[in-house]
Protein backbone atom coordinates (compact mmCIF):
# COMPACT_ATOMS: atom_id res chain seq x y z
CA UNK A 1 24.24 -34.79 7.71
CA UNK A 2 21.11 -34.22 5.60
CA UNK A 3 17.80 -33.39 7.25
CA UNK A 4 15.19 -36.10 7.50
CA UNK A 5 12.49 -35.95 4.83
CA UNK A 6 9.02 -35.75 6.38
CA UNK A 7 6.14 -36.59 4.04
CA UNK A 8 2.90 -34.70 4.71
CA UNK A 9 -0.22 -36.80 4.18
CA UNK A 10 -3.58 -34.99 3.94
CA UNK A 11 -6.39 -37.35 4.97
CA UNK A 12 -9.96 -36.50 3.91
CA UNK A 13 -12.46 -38.52 5.93
CA UNK A 14 -15.08 -38.21 8.65
CA UNK A 15 -15.01 -41.96 9.32
CA UNK A 16 -13.30 -42.67 12.65
CA UNK A 17 -12.45 -46.23 11.59
CA UNK A 18 -10.61 -44.96 8.49
CA UNK A 19 -8.76 -42.32 10.50
CA UNK A 20 -7.75 -44.88 13.13
CA UNK A 21 -6.41 -47.26 10.46
CA UNK A 22 -4.31 -44.53 8.84
CA UNK A 23 -3.00 -43.39 12.22
CA UNK A 24 -2.10 -46.98 13.07
CA UNK A 25 -0.32 -47.33 9.71
CA UNK A 26 1.81 -44.19 9.60
CA UNK A 27 0.68 -41.85 12.39
CA UNK A 28 3.52 -42.78 14.72
CA UNK A 29 6.19 -42.85 11.98
CA UNK A 30 8.70 -40.00 12.30
CA UNK A 31 8.93 -39.54 8.53
CA UNK A 32 5.17 -38.91 8.13
CA UNK A 33 3.00 -35.99 9.21
CA UNK A 34 -0.76 -36.55 9.16
CA UNK A 35 -3.17 -33.66 8.54
CA UNK A 36 -6.71 -34.88 9.26
CA UNK A 37 -9.51 -33.06 7.39
CA UNK A 38 -13.20 -33.82 7.91
CA UNK A 39 -14.29 -32.35 4.57
CA UNK A 40 -12.99 -31.59 1.08
CA UNK A 41 -13.33 -27.87 1.82
CA UNK A 42 -11.03 -28.14 4.82
CA UNK A 43 -8.56 -30.26 2.83
CA UNK A 44 -8.49 -27.68 0.04
CA UNK A 45 -7.52 -24.99 2.55
CA UNK A 46 -4.73 -27.19 3.90
CA UNK A 47 -3.35 -27.92 0.42
CA UNK A 48 -2.89 -24.18 -0.05
CA UNK A 49 -1.32 -23.68 3.39
CA UNK A 50 1.21 -26.49 3.65
CA UNK A 51 3.59 -28.48 1.50
CA UNK A 52 1.67 -31.72 0.99
CA UNK A 53 3.00 -34.91 -0.62
CA UNK A 54 0.02 -37.31 -0.56
CA UNK A 55 -3.79 -37.12 -0.37
CA UNK A 56 -5.67 -40.10 1.06
CA UNK A 57 -9.36 -39.47 0.41
CA UNK A 58 -12.35 -41.40 1.70
CA UNK A 59 -14.70 -41.81 -1.26
CA UNK A 60 -17.80 -41.50 0.94
CA UNK A 61 -16.64 -38.07 2.19
CA UNK A 62 -16.54 -36.77 -1.40
CA UNK A 63 -19.51 -38.36 -3.21
CA UNK A 64 -22.47 -36.03 -3.19
CA UNK A 65 -20.42 -33.27 -1.55
CA UNK A 66 -17.41 -32.52 -3.76
CA UNK A 67 -16.87 -35.37 -6.24
CA UNK A 68 -14.39 -33.26 -8.28
CA UNK A 69 -12.05 -32.56 -5.37
CA UNK A 70 -9.34 -35.00 -6.47
CA UNK A 71 -9.62 -33.89 -10.11
CA UNK A 72 -8.98 -30.27 -9.07
CA UNK A 73 -6.11 -31.39 -6.86
CA UNK A 74 -4.61 -33.29 -9.80
CA UNK A 75 -4.61 -30.08 -11.90
CA UNK A 76 -3.50 -27.53 -9.30
CA UNK A 77 -1.19 -29.77 -7.22
CA UNK A 78 0.20 -32.29 -9.74
CA UNK A 79 3.15 -33.13 -7.49
CA UNK A 80 0.84 -34.46 -4.74
CA UNK A 81 0.06 -38.20 -4.90
CA UNK A 82 -3.58 -39.36 -4.68
CA UNK A 83 -5.02 -42.49 -3.06
CA UNK A 84 -8.71 -43.28 -2.56
CA UNK A 85 -10.35 -45.47 0.06
CA UNK A 86 -13.66 -46.88 -1.23
CA UNK A 87 -16.81 -48.40 0.24
CA UNK A 88 -17.69 -51.82 -1.27
CA UNK A 89 -21.28 -50.65 -1.91
CA UNK A 90 -19.94 -47.59 -3.79
CA UNK A 91 -17.28 -49.52 -5.64
CA UNK A 92 -18.29 -48.48 -9.18
CA UNK A 93 -18.69 -44.78 -8.34
CA UNK A 94 -15.40 -44.72 -6.42
CA UNK A 95 -13.58 -46.47 -9.27
CA UNK A 96 -14.88 -43.86 -11.73
CA UNK A 97 -13.80 -41.04 -9.43
CA UNK A 98 -10.35 -42.55 -8.99
CA UNK A 99 -9.99 -42.96 -12.76
CA UNK A 100 -10.89 -39.30 -13.44
CA UNK A 101 -8.46 -38.09 -10.79
CA UNK A 102 -5.67 -40.42 -12.01
CA UNK A 103 -5.35 -41.75 -8.46
CA UNK A 104 -2.45 -44.09 -7.90
CA UNK A 105 -4.76 -46.70 -6.37
CA UNK A 106 -7.93 -47.15 -4.39
CA UNK A 107 -8.45 -49.69 -1.68
CA UNK A 108 -11.67 -51.10 -0.30
CA UNK A 109 -12.78 -50.75 3.32
CA UNK A 110 -11.92 -52.09 5.78
CA UNK A 111 -8.29 -51.38 4.89
CA UNK A 112 -5.68 -52.84 7.21
CA UNK A 113 -2.90 -50.56 8.53
CA UNK A 114 -0.31 -52.76 6.77
CA UNK A 115 -2.04 -52.29 3.40
CA UNK A 116 -2.45 -48.53 3.92
CA UNK A 117 1.24 -48.16 4.75
CA UNK A 118 2.30 -50.15 1.67
CA UNK A 119 0.00 -48.11 -0.61
CA UNK A 120 1.24 -44.81 0.90
CA UNK A 121 4.89 -45.75 0.33
CA UNK A 122 4.26 -46.81 -3.28
CA UNK A 123 2.10 -43.73 -4.02
CA UNK A 124 4.81 -41.41 -2.72
CA UNK A 125 7.40 -43.19 -4.85
CA UNK A 126 5.19 -42.82 -7.93
CA UNK A 127 4.57 -39.11 -7.20
CA UNK A 128 8.32 -38.51 -6.95
CA UNK A 129 8.98 -40.34 -10.22
CA UNK A 130 6.27 -38.28 -11.92
CA UNK A 131 7.80 -35.07 -10.57
CA UNK A 132 11.24 -36.01 -11.90
CA UNK A 133 9.73 -36.92 -15.26
CA UNK A 134 8.10 -33.46 -15.53
CA UNK A 135 11.38 -31.74 -14.65
CA UNK A 136 13.44 -33.78 -17.11
CA UNK A 137 10.87 -33.31 -19.90
CA UNK A 138 10.94 -29.57 -19.35
CA UNK A 139 14.75 -29.58 -19.23
CA UNK A 140 14.84 -31.42 -22.56
CA UNK A 141 12.49 -28.89 -24.15
CA UNK A 142 14.58 -25.98 -22.82
CA UNK A 143 17.79 -27.57 -24.11
CA UNK A 144 16.23 -27.68 -27.59
CA UNK A 145 15.42 -23.97 -27.28
CA UNK A 146 18.73 -23.09 -25.61
CA UNK A 147 19.36 -20.12 -27.92
CA UNK A 148 16.37 -18.44 -26.30
CA UNK A 149 17.64 -19.19 -22.81
CA UNK A 150 21.42 -18.81 -23.17
CA UNK A 151 23.14 -17.52 -21.02
CA UNK A 152 20.45 -17.04 -18.40
CA UNK A 153 19.22 -20.61 -18.26
CA UNK A 154 19.88 -22.38 -14.99
CA UNK A 155 20.18 -26.16 -14.93
CA UNK A 156 17.32 -28.00 -13.34
CA UNK A 157 17.78 -30.85 -10.94
CA UNK A 158 15.67 -33.90 -10.32
CA UNK A 159 16.18 -33.13 -6.64
CA UNK A 160 14.24 -29.90 -7.18
CA UNK A 161 15.11 -26.31 -7.99
CA UNK A 162 14.34 -24.65 -4.69
CA UNK A 163 13.78 -25.18 -0.98
CA UNK A 164 10.41 -24.95 0.75
CA UNK A 165 9.13 -24.33 4.24
CA UNK A 166 5.51 -25.25 3.63
CA UNK A 167 4.38 -22.66 1.00
CA UNK A 168 7.46 -20.43 1.37
CA UNK A 169 9.78 -20.96 -1.61
CA UNK A 170 13.42 -19.82 -1.60
CA UNK A 171 17.03 -20.49 -2.51
CA UNK A 172 18.66 -17.54 -0.71
CA UNK A 173 20.79 -17.93 2.41
CA UNK A 174 18.75 -15.20 4.15
CA UNK A 175 15.50 -17.16 3.78
CA UNK A 176 17.20 -20.45 4.66
CA UNK A 177 18.42 -18.95 7.95
CA UNK A 178 15.00 -17.43 8.63
CA UNK A 179 13.18 -20.73 8.03
CA UNK A 180 15.67 -22.63 10.21
CA UNK A 181 14.93 -20.17 13.01
CA UNK A 182 11.18 -20.50 12.37
CA UNK A 183 11.43 -24.30 12.63
CA UNK A 184 13.16 -23.91 15.99
CA UNK A 185 10.43 -21.50 17.10
CA UNK A 186 7.75 -23.97 16.01
CA UNK A 187 9.06 -26.60 18.43
CA UNK A 188 8.50 -24.28 21.42
CA UNK A 189 5.43 -22.75 23.02
CA UNK A 190 6.84 -19.21 22.95
CA UNK A 191 5.04 -16.35 21.19
CA UNK A 192 6.49 -15.33 17.83
CA UNK A 193 6.77 -11.79 16.46
CA UNK A 194 7.20 -11.52 12.68
CA UNK A 195 8.42 -8.34 11.01
CA UNK A 196 8.32 -7.71 7.30
CA UNK A 197 7.09 -5.39 4.60
CA UNK A 198 3.65 -5.84 3.07
CA UNK A 199 3.57 -8.82 0.73
CA UNK A 200 6.63 -10.65 2.06
CA UNK A 201 4.64 -13.65 3.33
CA UNK A 202 4.16 -13.04 7.06
CA UNK A 203 0.93 -15.03 7.20
CA UNK A 204 2.49 -17.91 5.24
CA UNK A 205 5.33 -18.01 7.77
CA UNK A 206 2.85 -17.96 10.66
CA UNK A 207 0.92 -20.87 9.15
CA UNK A 208 4.16 -22.79 8.56
CA UNK A 209 5.11 -22.35 12.23
CA UNK A 210 1.69 -23.56 13.37
CA UNK A 211 1.69 -26.66 11.15
CA UNK A 212 5.18 -27.61 12.33
CA UNK A 213 4.31 -27.25 16.01
CA UNK A 214 2.75 -29.58 18.55
CA UNK A 215 -0.50 -27.61 18.05
CA UNK A 216 -0.87 -28.56 14.38
CA UNK A 217 -3.97 -30.69 15.05
CA UNK A 218 -5.71 -27.76 16.76
CA UNK A 219 -7.19 -24.69 15.05
CA UNK A 220 -5.28 -21.77 13.59
CA UNK A 221 -7.29 -18.54 13.42
CA UNK A 222 -6.22 -15.30 11.74
CA UNK A 223 -7.22 -11.78 12.77
CA UNK A 224 -6.13 -8.58 11.04
CA UNK A 225 -6.00 -5.88 13.69
CA UNK A 226 -5.79 -2.93 11.32
CA UNK A 227 -8.68 -0.49 10.96
CA UNK A 228 -10.85 -2.01 13.72
CA UNK A 229 -12.28 -0.19 16.72
CA UNK A 230 -11.41 -1.46 20.19
CA UNK A 231 -14.91 -2.84 20.78
CA UNK A 232 -14.97 -4.64 17.42
CA UNK A 233 -11.52 -6.14 17.97
CA UNK A 234 -12.43 -7.13 21.54
CA UNK A 235 -15.56 -8.85 20.24
CA UNK A 236 -13.60 -10.68 17.51
CA UNK A 237 -10.92 -11.98 19.88
CA UNK A 238 -12.53 -12.19 23.31
CA UNK A 239 -16.18 -12.61 22.23
CA UNK A 240 -19.30 -10.90 23.53
CA UNK A 241 -22.60 -11.76 25.17
CA UNK A 242 -26.02 -11.06 23.76
CA UNK A 243 -27.05 -7.45 24.28
CA UNK A 244 -23.49 -6.21 24.94
CA UNK A 245 -23.98 -3.57 22.22
CA UNK A 246 -26.46 -2.65 19.52
CA UNK A 247 -26.67 -5.51 17.06
CA UNK A 248 -25.33 -8.17 19.45
CA UNK A 249 -28.28 -10.53 18.99
CA UNK A 250 -26.41 -13.67 20.09
CA UNK A 251 -23.40 -14.72 22.15
CA UNK A 252 -20.07 -14.81 20.32
CA UNK A 253 -17.29 -17.14 21.42
CA UNK A 254 -14.34 -15.12 20.09
CA UNK A 255 -11.22 -16.40 18.35
CA UNK A 256 -9.20 -17.00 21.53
CA UNK A 257 -11.73 -19.51 22.87
CA UNK A 258 -12.35 -20.96 19.39
CA UNK A 259 -8.61 -21.61 19.04
CA UNK A 260 -8.20 -23.18 22.49
CA UNK A 261 -5.22 -25.53 22.23
CA UNK A 262 -4.18 -23.96 18.93
CA UNK A 263 -2.78 -20.72 17.52
CA UNK A 264 -4.05 -17.21 16.80
CA UNK A 265 -2.21 -15.08 14.26
CA UNK A 266 -2.59 -11.34 14.88
CA UNK A 267 -1.61 -9.39 11.77
CA UNK A 268 -0.85 -5.64 11.89
CA UNK A 269 -0.39 -5.79 15.66
CA UNK A 270 1.19 -2.33 15.54
CA UNK A 271 -2.23 -0.81 14.77
CA UNK A 272 -3.95 -1.74 18.05
CA UNK A 273 -4.73 1.10 20.44
CA UNK A 274 -2.96 1.60 23.81
CA UNK A 275 -6.24 0.65 25.51
CA UNK A 276 -6.49 -2.67 23.69
CA UNK A 277 -2.80 -3.36 24.25
CA UNK A 278 -3.63 -3.61 27.98
CA UNK A 279 -6.28 -6.30 27.31
CA UNK A 280 -3.90 -8.23 25.08
CA UNK A 281 -1.10 -8.04 27.64
CA UNK A 282 -3.36 -9.43 30.35
CA UNK A 283 -4.34 -12.33 28.11
CA UNK A 284 -0.69 -13.14 27.41
CA UNK A 285 0.13 -13.04 31.12
CA UNK A 286 -2.90 -14.80 32.61
CA UNK A 287 -4.68 -16.48 29.65
CA UNK A 288 -7.84 -14.76 30.89
CA UNK A 289 -10.77 -14.03 28.57
CA UNK A 290 -13.57 -11.68 29.54
CA UNK A 291 -16.21 -11.41 26.78
CA UNK A 292 -17.60 -7.95 26.07
CA UNK A 293 -20.58 -7.30 28.32
CA UNK A 294 -19.82 -10.21 30.67
CA UNK A 295 -18.43 -10.36 34.20
CA UNK A 296 -17.44 -14.00 33.83
CA UNK A 297 -13.73 -14.74 33.35
CA UNK A 298 -12.77 -17.71 31.18
CA UNK A 299 -9.43 -19.17 30.16
CA UNK A 300 -7.89 -20.44 26.92
CA UNK A 301 -4.58 -22.08 26.03
CA UNK A 302 -3.59 -20.24 22.86
CA UNK A 303 -0.24 -19.53 21.26
CA UNK A 304 0.08 -16.03 19.82
CA UNK A 305 1.93 -15.28 16.59
CA UNK A 306 1.91 -11.56 15.81
CA UNK A 307 3.11 -9.65 12.76
CA UNK A 308 3.84 -6.05 11.88
CA UNK A 309 5.03 -4.20 8.79
CA UNK A 310 6.35 -1.41 11.05
CA UNK A 311 9.29 -1.95 13.43
CA UNK A 312 7.74 -2.31 16.89
CA UNK A 313 11.04 -1.45 18.61
CA UNK A 314 10.89 2.06 17.14
CA UNK A 315 7.23 2.40 18.13
CA UNK A 316 8.23 1.44 21.68
CA UNK A 317 10.94 4.12 21.70
CA UNK A 318 8.36 6.71 20.59
CA UNK A 319 5.90 5.58 23.25
CA UNK A 320 3.36 4.32 20.69
CA UNK A 321 3.54 0.68 21.77
CA UNK A 322 3.79 -0.78 25.26
CA UNK A 323 7.27 -1.99 26.10
CA UNK A 324 6.00 -4.83 28.33
CA UNK A 325 3.68 -6.09 25.58
CA UNK A 326 6.51 -5.90 23.04
CA UNK A 327 8.74 -8.11 25.19
CA UNK A 328 5.86 -10.53 25.81
CA UNK A 329 5.27 -10.93 22.09
CA UNK A 330 8.90 -11.41 21.03
CA UNK A 331 9.62 -14.86 22.42
CA UNK A 332 11.07 -15.34 18.95
CA UNK A 333 11.53 -12.35 16.66
CA UNK A 334 11.71 -13.12 12.94
CA UNK A 335 12.41 -10.65 10.13
CA UNK A 336 11.36 -11.57 6.58
CA UNK A 337 13.68 -9.71 4.18
CA UNK A 338 12.01 -7.87 1.29
CA UNK A 339 12.31 -9.49 -2.13
CA UNK A 340 14.68 -6.78 -3.42
CA UNK A 341 17.23 -7.90 -0.79
CA UNK A 342 17.12 -11.54 -1.90
CA UNK A 343 17.19 -11.20 -5.64
CA UNK A 344 18.19 -14.85 -6.10
CA UNK A 345 14.71 -15.91 -4.90
CA UNK A 346 12.93 -14.21 -7.84
CA UNK A 347 13.62 -17.01 -10.36
CA UNK A 348 12.46 -19.98 -8.23
CA UNK A 349 9.43 -18.02 -7.00
CA UNK A 350 8.52 -17.12 -10.57
CA UNK A 351 8.77 -20.75 -11.71
CA UNK A 352 6.80 -21.93 -8.67
CA UNK A 353 3.98 -19.51 -9.50
CA UNK A 354 4.09 -20.47 -13.18
CA UNK A 355 3.51 -24.12 -12.28
CA UNK A 356 0.83 -23.19 -9.75
CA UNK A 357 -1.27 -20.97 -12.02
CA UNK A 358 -0.72 -22.98 -15.18
CA UNK A 359 -2.56 -25.76 -13.37
CA UNK A 360 -5.31 -23.42 -12.19
CA UNK A 361 -6.13 -22.14 -15.68
CA UNK A 362 -5.41 -25.45 -17.42
CA UNK A 363 -2.60 -24.04 -19.53
CA UNK A 364 0.75 -25.70 -20.27
CA UNK A 365 3.48 -23.07 -19.88
CA UNK A 366 7.09 -24.26 -20.07
CA UNK A 367 8.72 -21.39 -18.21
CA UNK A 368 10.22 -17.93 -18.68
CA UNK A 369 12.63 -16.72 -21.34
CA UNK A 370 16.02 -15.32 -20.35
CA UNK A 371 14.99 -11.74 -21.12
CA UNK A 372 11.78 -11.97 -19.11
CA UNK A 373 13.60 -13.49 -16.15
CA UNK A 374 16.32 -10.82 -16.28
CA UNK A 375 13.72 -8.07 -16.13
CA UNK A 376 11.89 -9.75 -13.25
CA UNK A 377 15.18 -9.91 -11.36
CA UNK A 378 15.99 -6.28 -12.13
CA UNK A 379 12.66 -4.93 -10.85
CA UNK A 380 12.55 -3.60 -7.26
CA UNK A 381 9.23 -5.32 -6.28
CA UNK A 382 7.80 -2.73 -3.86
CA UNK A 383 4.88 -5.12 -3.31
CA UNK A 384 7.30 -8.01 -2.68
CA UNK A 385 6.27 -11.64 -3.28
CA UNK A 386 2.58 -10.79 -3.47
CA UNK A 387 3.26 -8.42 -6.37
CA UNK A 388 5.41 -11.04 -8.13
CA UNK A 389 2.66 -13.65 -7.73
CA UNK A 390 0.06 -11.31 -9.22
CA UNK A 391 2.36 -10.53 -12.16
CA UNK A 392 3.03 -14.21 -12.89
CA UNK A 393 -0.65 -15.09 -12.60
CA UNK A 394 -1.50 -12.43 -15.19
CA UNK A 395 1.26 -13.56 -17.57
CA UNK A 396 0.25 -17.22 -17.35
CA UNK A 397 -3.31 -16.25 -18.27
CA UNK A 398 -2.19 -14.51 -21.48
CA UNK A 399 0.70 -16.81 -22.49
CA UNK A 400 0.37 -19.15 -25.46
CA UNK A 401 -0.48 -22.78 -24.86
CA UNK A 402 2.69 -24.87 -24.72
CA UNK A 403 4.96 -21.82 -24.98
CA UNK A 404 7.17 -19.62 -22.85
CA UNK A 405 6.49 -16.40 -20.99
CA UNK A 406 8.59 -13.73 -22.70
CA UNK A 407 9.32 -10.03 -22.16
CA UNK A 408 6.28 -9.02 -24.24
CA UNK A 409 4.00 -10.60 -21.62
CA UNK A 410 5.38 -8.38 -18.83
CA UNK A 411 3.44 -5.42 -17.50
CA UNK A 412 4.70 -2.03 -18.64
CA UNK A 413 6.56 -1.05 -15.44
CA UNK A 414 8.57 -4.29 -15.41
CA UNK A 415 9.06 -4.47 -19.18
CA UNK A 416 10.71 -1.02 -19.18
CA UNK A 417 13.24 -1.86 -16.43
CA UNK A 418 16.83 -1.02 -17.37
CA UNK A 419 18.74 -4.27 -16.92
CA UNK A 420 22.10 -2.46 -17.08
CA UNK A 421 21.17 -0.39 -14.01
CA UNK A 422 20.21 -3.53 -12.13
CA UNK A 423 23.54 -5.15 -12.99
CA UNK A 424 25.26 -2.12 -11.44
CA UNK A 425 23.25 -2.59 -8.25
CA UNK A 426 20.90 0.38 -8.86
CA UNK A 427 17.25 0.07 -7.77
CA UNK A 428 14.80 -0.05 -10.68
CA UNK A 429 12.59 3.00 -10.88
CA UNK A 430 14.42 4.75 -8.05
CA UNK A 431 15.26 8.44 -7.85
CA UNK A 432 18.81 9.79 -7.59
CA UNK A 433 18.79 9.60 -3.78
CA UNK A 434 17.76 5.92 -3.88
CA UNK A 435 20.52 5.11 -6.39
CA UNK A 436 23.21 6.90 -4.37
CA UNK A 437 22.12 5.15 -1.17
CA UNK A 438 22.09 1.76 -2.92
CA UNK A 439 25.66 2.25 -4.14
CA UNK A 440 26.79 3.55 -0.74
CA UNK A 441 25.23 0.57 1.05
CA UNK A 442 26.93 -1.79 -1.43
CA UNK A 443 30.33 -0.11 -0.95
CA UNK A 444 30.15 -0.11 2.87
CA UNK A 445 28.93 -3.72 2.97
CA UNK A 446 31.70 -4.89 0.64
CA UNK A 447 34.38 -3.09 2.69
CA UNK A 448 33.09 -4.63 5.92
CA UNK A 449 33.28 -8.10 4.40
CA UNK A 450 36.80 -7.51 3.05
CA UNK A 451 38.09 -6.47 6.46
CA UNK A 452 36.00 -9.06 8.37
CA UNK A 453 34.13 -6.27 10.14
CA UNK A 454 37.23 -4.55 11.50
CA UNK A 455 35.58 -1.13 11.64
CA UNK A 456 38.81 0.82 12.17
CA UNK A 457 40.28 -0.51 8.93
CA UNK A 458 37.00 0.01 7.06
CA UNK A 459 36.71 3.61 8.29
CA UNK A 460 40.28 4.32 7.18
CA UNK A 461 39.71 2.79 3.74
CA UNK A 462 36.48 4.71 3.14
CA UNK A 463 37.73 7.97 4.65
CA UNK A 464 35.14 7.98 7.43
CA UNK A 465 35.29 8.46 11.17
CA UNK A 466 34.39 5.50 13.40
CA UNK A 467 31.19 7.30 14.39
CA UNK A 468 30.34 8.03 10.74
CA UNK A 469 30.84 4.38 9.81
CA UNK A 470 28.75 3.24 12.79
CA UNK A 471 25.93 5.55 11.66
CA UNK A 472 25.99 4.09 8.14
CA UNK A 473 25.97 0.52 9.51
CA UNK A 474 22.90 1.39 11.58
CA UNK A 475 21.24 3.31 8.73
CA UNK A 476 21.54 0.44 6.27
CA UNK A 477 20.84 -2.29 8.90
CA UNK A 478 24.10 -4.10 8.08
CA UNK A 479 24.95 -7.13 10.18
CA UNK A 480 27.96 -9.49 10.20
CA UNK A 481 27.25 -12.93 8.72
């Protein structure tokens, strides 16, 4: 049975009557998710955090503040439908704004819930038709240039070319399983611990969990714990009172109190000192907040999502991280695989970033040639998705208007990748030890699959002892599917 499609509607308004009408129209519908934003600035942040389908903007909230908001959204998020709600006394100005932004429609206040629901349904239908038209037009252009793409071209589909969990884009089974687990985690109140190398998208996953939880209407605050002293980190999270230290000229609330009812994402949690780990453990156990320099104890209802690019379990074994705090944090433990272990995600991610940054710079780029895509797939991506995004952004900026991104647009390190080595399963740019380990991991993994993880048979086939095989399984973090 297919999953239910939930359309995310970003509402931009500070008018309670408008917000109430929209909530009455679609707020209780299970196939809609409302994200209320009081300003264009807040809405812009949300558009870059979540997978939105429709913007409903109050004209009065934009005029004189950010009249070009919908125009920018049209360029950078062309797949998102746009509807404007106008004041009768600002009718002409609102109509001009709607025309510039190519809004599907604008309706005059007071708008009834029935009218808002009808307009939302029709706007979403139009946005989907426009999306399919763009895909089919691009597919037609590629088919004309098929000599450039053959045999690497992959057929597009009007249903889409990839899956998304908010801003996370993927086609791989590994990421699909991870996002399914993250969705389950989002429905609970348990803390979440995210592991992953730098650049894999830990903060994006944390934001996706928050915006799919019951706390989505409450704040999400982010704090990087790396490189901060205990007192600075305590002040950032727990707050301080005036005079608590030199330079404390006013009281500071702290992120835990500011996020009351919401979520706090603690990145690089492995870098906090043993002393601060005690304070964090007490907060997780008792929800107690004691600002720096104060004797008063306060409380806050906050969900913690933590992330680390170092395995906390190993830090616990070495005595560098408190075991009790580790088990408090890992209500759900999620591991984002590095990009080199999910090579099939490179192509959809590359196309996603092409569409994103082509809109940002106002350039029409059709896609990537077969050779360019093959080299992107062959590269090891030590910086993971963040490195890929930076590379695509640079290439879009230098590509020709209305053309393709080809191998000559690639940076030197990626352009010199040996595609033959990648086809053999060898890591690009690796030394001999890396290549030998890659082939050994591939051979052990394949043997385990062939024998359905019967380790006795695998050990016999590979000429290993059971202990030797077990060590290689542990070394290469192999797991049965």
